[in-house]
Amino acid sequence: MRVLLQRVSQAQVTVDGRITGRIGTGLVALVGVHGQDRIKDAVFCADKCAHLRIFDNEAGRFDRSLLDVGGQVLAISQFTLYGECRKGRRPFFGAAAEPQVAEPLYEAFIAQLRERHAVTVACGIFGAHMDLEIHNDGPVSLFVDSPDCH
């Protein structure tokens, strides 16, 4: 599993002109699922996102986690994180999980944040065309890959 985290002051997602998710301070998590991912990958990535110290302390240093700042998460499914662009001019998405595999793991990632860490999570709609409004803070953008990320 691969998650692109973006630290934000606020963000929202709109589907068909309707806001489906909105957060204040926290993280936008663009979640890509690999075809060989399992539940352990969703658990690892959610735990890492909750505890990663990427928020500033009083001295302006990365020393506080999402949990420390009481932040929220906007989780968006993003199969394009597994796009292969080395050959040709059109990305190849063969490593990305099929929707019937990806959706339950995306949902497990969200459930882990909500249930294990009590994080408020807003979402887009899996497989939908979404418009994101992201107010990057910093900007700070980092990849979180599960240990067996391919």
Protein backbone atom coordinates (compact mmCIF):
# COMPACT_ATOMS: atom_id res chain seq x y z
CA MET A 1 0.00 0.00 0.00
CA ARG A 2 1.18 3.48 -0.78
CA VAL A 3 -0.21 6.61 0.85
CA LEU A 4 0.71 10.11 -0.26
CA LEU A 5 0.22 12.32 2.79
CA GLN A 6 -0.23 16.04 2.49
CA ARG A 7 -0.34 18.20 5.61
CA VAL A 8 -3.23 20.65 5.25
CA SER A 9 -4.89 23.55 7.00
CA GLN A 10 -8.15 22.46 5.34
CA ALA A 11 -9.39 20.29 2.49
CA GLN A 12 -12.57 19.07 0.89
CA VAL A 13 -13.70 16.64 -1.78
CA THR A 14 -16.64 17.14 -4.11
CA VAL A 15 -18.40 14.47 -6.20
CA ASP A 16 -21.02 15.51 -8.76
CA GLY A 17 -21.19 19.00 -7.25
CA ARG A 18 -21.80 17.67 -3.71
CA ILE A 19 -19.24 17.93 -0.91
CA THR A 20 -18.71 14.39 0.39
CA GLY A 21 -15.92 15.17 2.83
CA ARG A 22 -14.36 18.20 4.51
CA ILE A 23 -11.65 18.59 7.16
CA GLY A 24 -9.78 21.31 8.97
CA THR A 25 -6.20 20.88 10.18
CA GLY A 26 -4.83 17.45 9.40
CA LEU A 27 -3.81 15.22 6.53
CA VAL A 28 -5.07 14.41 3.08
CA ALA A 29 -4.28 10.73 2.53
CA LEU A 30 -4.25 9.66 -1.11
CA VAL A 31 -4.42 5.87 -0.78
CA GLY A 32 -3.16 3.50 -3.46
CA VAL A 33 -3.62 -0.25 -3.13
CA HIS A 34 -1.23 -2.70 -4.80
CA GLY A 35 -2.53 -5.95 -6.23
CA GLN A 36 -0.58 -7.97 -3.63
CA ASP A 37 -1.60 -5.90 -0.59
CA ARG A 38 -3.31 -7.50 2.40
CA ILE A 39 -5.03 -6.23 5.54
CA LYS A 40 -1.68 -5.95 7.34
CA ASP A 41 -0.64 -3.28 4.82
CA ALA A 42 -3.73 -1.18 5.59
CA VAL A 43 -3.10 -1.52 9.33
CA PHE A 44 0.56 -0.56 8.99
CA CYS A 45 -0.16 2.51 6.84
CA ALA A 46 -2.99 3.77 9.06
CA ASP A 47 -0.82 3.39 12.17
CA LYS A 48 2.07 5.19 10.50
CA CYS A 49 -0.19 8.04 9.34
CA ALA A 50 -1.62 8.51 12.84
CA HIS A 51 1.79 8.56 14.56
CA LEU A 52 4.11 10.19 12.00
CA ARG A 53 5.55 13.34 13.55
CA ILE A 54 5.06 15.88 10.77
CA PHE A 55 3.37 18.74 12.61
CA ASP A 56 5.38 21.59 14.10
CA ASN A 57 6.05 22.01 17.78
CA GLU A 58 6.50 25.43 19.42
CA ALA A 59 10.04 25.64 18.03
CA GLY A 60 8.86 24.96 14.47
CA ARG A 61 10.31 21.43 14.31
CA PHE A 62 8.49 18.28 13.18
CA ASP A 63 7.69 16.79 16.55
CA ARG A 64 3.91 16.33 16.75
CA SER A 65 1.71 13.66 15.22
CA LEU A 66 -1.82 13.81 13.87
CA LEU A 67 -2.96 12.45 17.24
CA ASP A 68 -0.97 15.08 19.14
CA VAL A 69 -2.60 17.98 17.24
CA GLY A 70 -6.11 16.46 17.18
CA GLY A 71 -6.04 16.54 13.39
CA GLN A 72 -8.43 15.00 10.91
CA VAL A 73 -7.91 12.93 7.76
CA LEU A 74 -9.45 13.25 4.32
CA ALA A 75 -8.96 9.80 2.74
CA ILE A 76 -9.14 9.52 -1.05
CA SER A 77 -8.71 6.34 -3.08
CA GLN A 78 -5.96 6.90 -5.68
CA PHE A 79 -5.06 3.92 -7.89
CA THR A 80 -2.82 6.20 -9.99
CA LEU A 81 -0.17 6.08 -7.23
CA TYR A 82 0.81 2.76 -8.82
CA GLY A 83 1.10 4.19 -12.32
CA GLU A 84 4.24 3.07 -14.15
CA CYS A 85 5.64 5.78 -16.41
CA ARG A 86 9.11 4.53 -17.38
CA LYS A 87 8.07 3.15 -20.76
CA GLY A 88 6.00 4.78 -23.43
CA ARG A 89 3.86 7.85 -22.98
CA ARG A 90 0.78 6.38 -21.35
CA PRO A 91 0.93 5.26 -17.71
CA PHE A 92 0.50 1.55 -17.04
CA PHE A 93 -1.58 0.68 -13.98
CA GLY A 94 -1.10 -3.10 -13.92
CA ALA A 95 0.31 -3.13 -10.37
CA ALA A 96 -2.74 -1.39 -8.89
CA ALA A 97 -5.27 -3.69 -7.25
CA GLU A 98 -8.55 -4.42 -8.98
CA PRO A 99 -11.48 -2.55 -7.40
CA GLN A 100 -12.89 -5.64 -5.67
CA VAL A 101 -9.53 -6.02 -3.84
CA ALA A 102 -8.73 -2.33 -3.41
CA GLU A 103 -12.00 -1.10 -1.95
CA PRO A 104 -12.05 -3.37 1.14
CA LEU A 105 -8.41 -2.47 1.90
CA TYR A 106 -9.10 1.25 1.45
CA GLU A 107 -12.06 0.84 3.83
CA ALA A 108 -9.83 -1.08 6.29
CA PHE A 109 -7.35 1.81 6.25
CA ILE A 110 -10.17 4.21 7.15
CA ALA A 111 -11.61 1.88 9.81
CA GLN A 112 -8.18 1.51 11.43
CA LEU A 113 -7.83 5.29 11.75
CA ARG A 114 -11.35 5.67 13.13
CA GLU A 115 -11.54 2.68 15.45
CA ARG A 116 -8.00 2.17 16.69
CA HIS A 117 -6.92 5.81 16.79
CA ALA A 118 -10.25 7.68 17.16
CA VAL A 119 -9.35 9.97 14.24
CA THR A 120 -12.12 11.84 12.44
CA VAL A 121 -11.94 10.67 8.82
CA ALA A 122 -13.82 12.24 5.92
CA CYS A 123 -13.85 10.47 2.56
CA GLY A 124 -14.43 10.72 -1.10
CA ILE A 125 -16.36 8.03 -2.96
CA PHE A 126 -14.37 5.00 -4.05
CA GLY A 127 -14.01 4.87 -7.83
CA ALA A 128 -15.74 8.21 -8.44
CA HIS A 129 -14.34 11.20 -10.28
CA MET A 130 -13.55 13.64 -7.47
CA ASP A 131 -12.59 17.28 -7.25
CA LEU A 132 -10.22 18.05 -4.38
CA GLU A 133 -9.60 21.39 -2.78
CA ILE A 134 -6.43 21.14 -0.73
CA HIS A 135 -4.84 23.94 1.27
CA ASN A 136 -1.32 22.56 1.77
CA ASP A 137 0.39 23.56 4.99
CA GLY A 138 4.10 24.01 4.51
CA PRO A 139 3.80 22.38 2.03
CA VAL A 140 4.58 19.00 3.53
CA SER A 141 4.06 15.91 1.33
CA LEU A 142 5.41 12.45 2.16
CA PHE A 143 4.96 8.89 0.94
CA VAL A 144 4.10 6.17 3.42
CA ASP A 145 4.67 2.72 1.95
CA SER A 146 3.83 -0.55 3.65
CA PRO A 147 6.92 -2.71 4.35
CA ASP A 148 6.24 -5.06 1.41
CA CYS A 149 5.41 -2.22 -0.99
CA HIS A 150 6.20 -3.26 -4.55
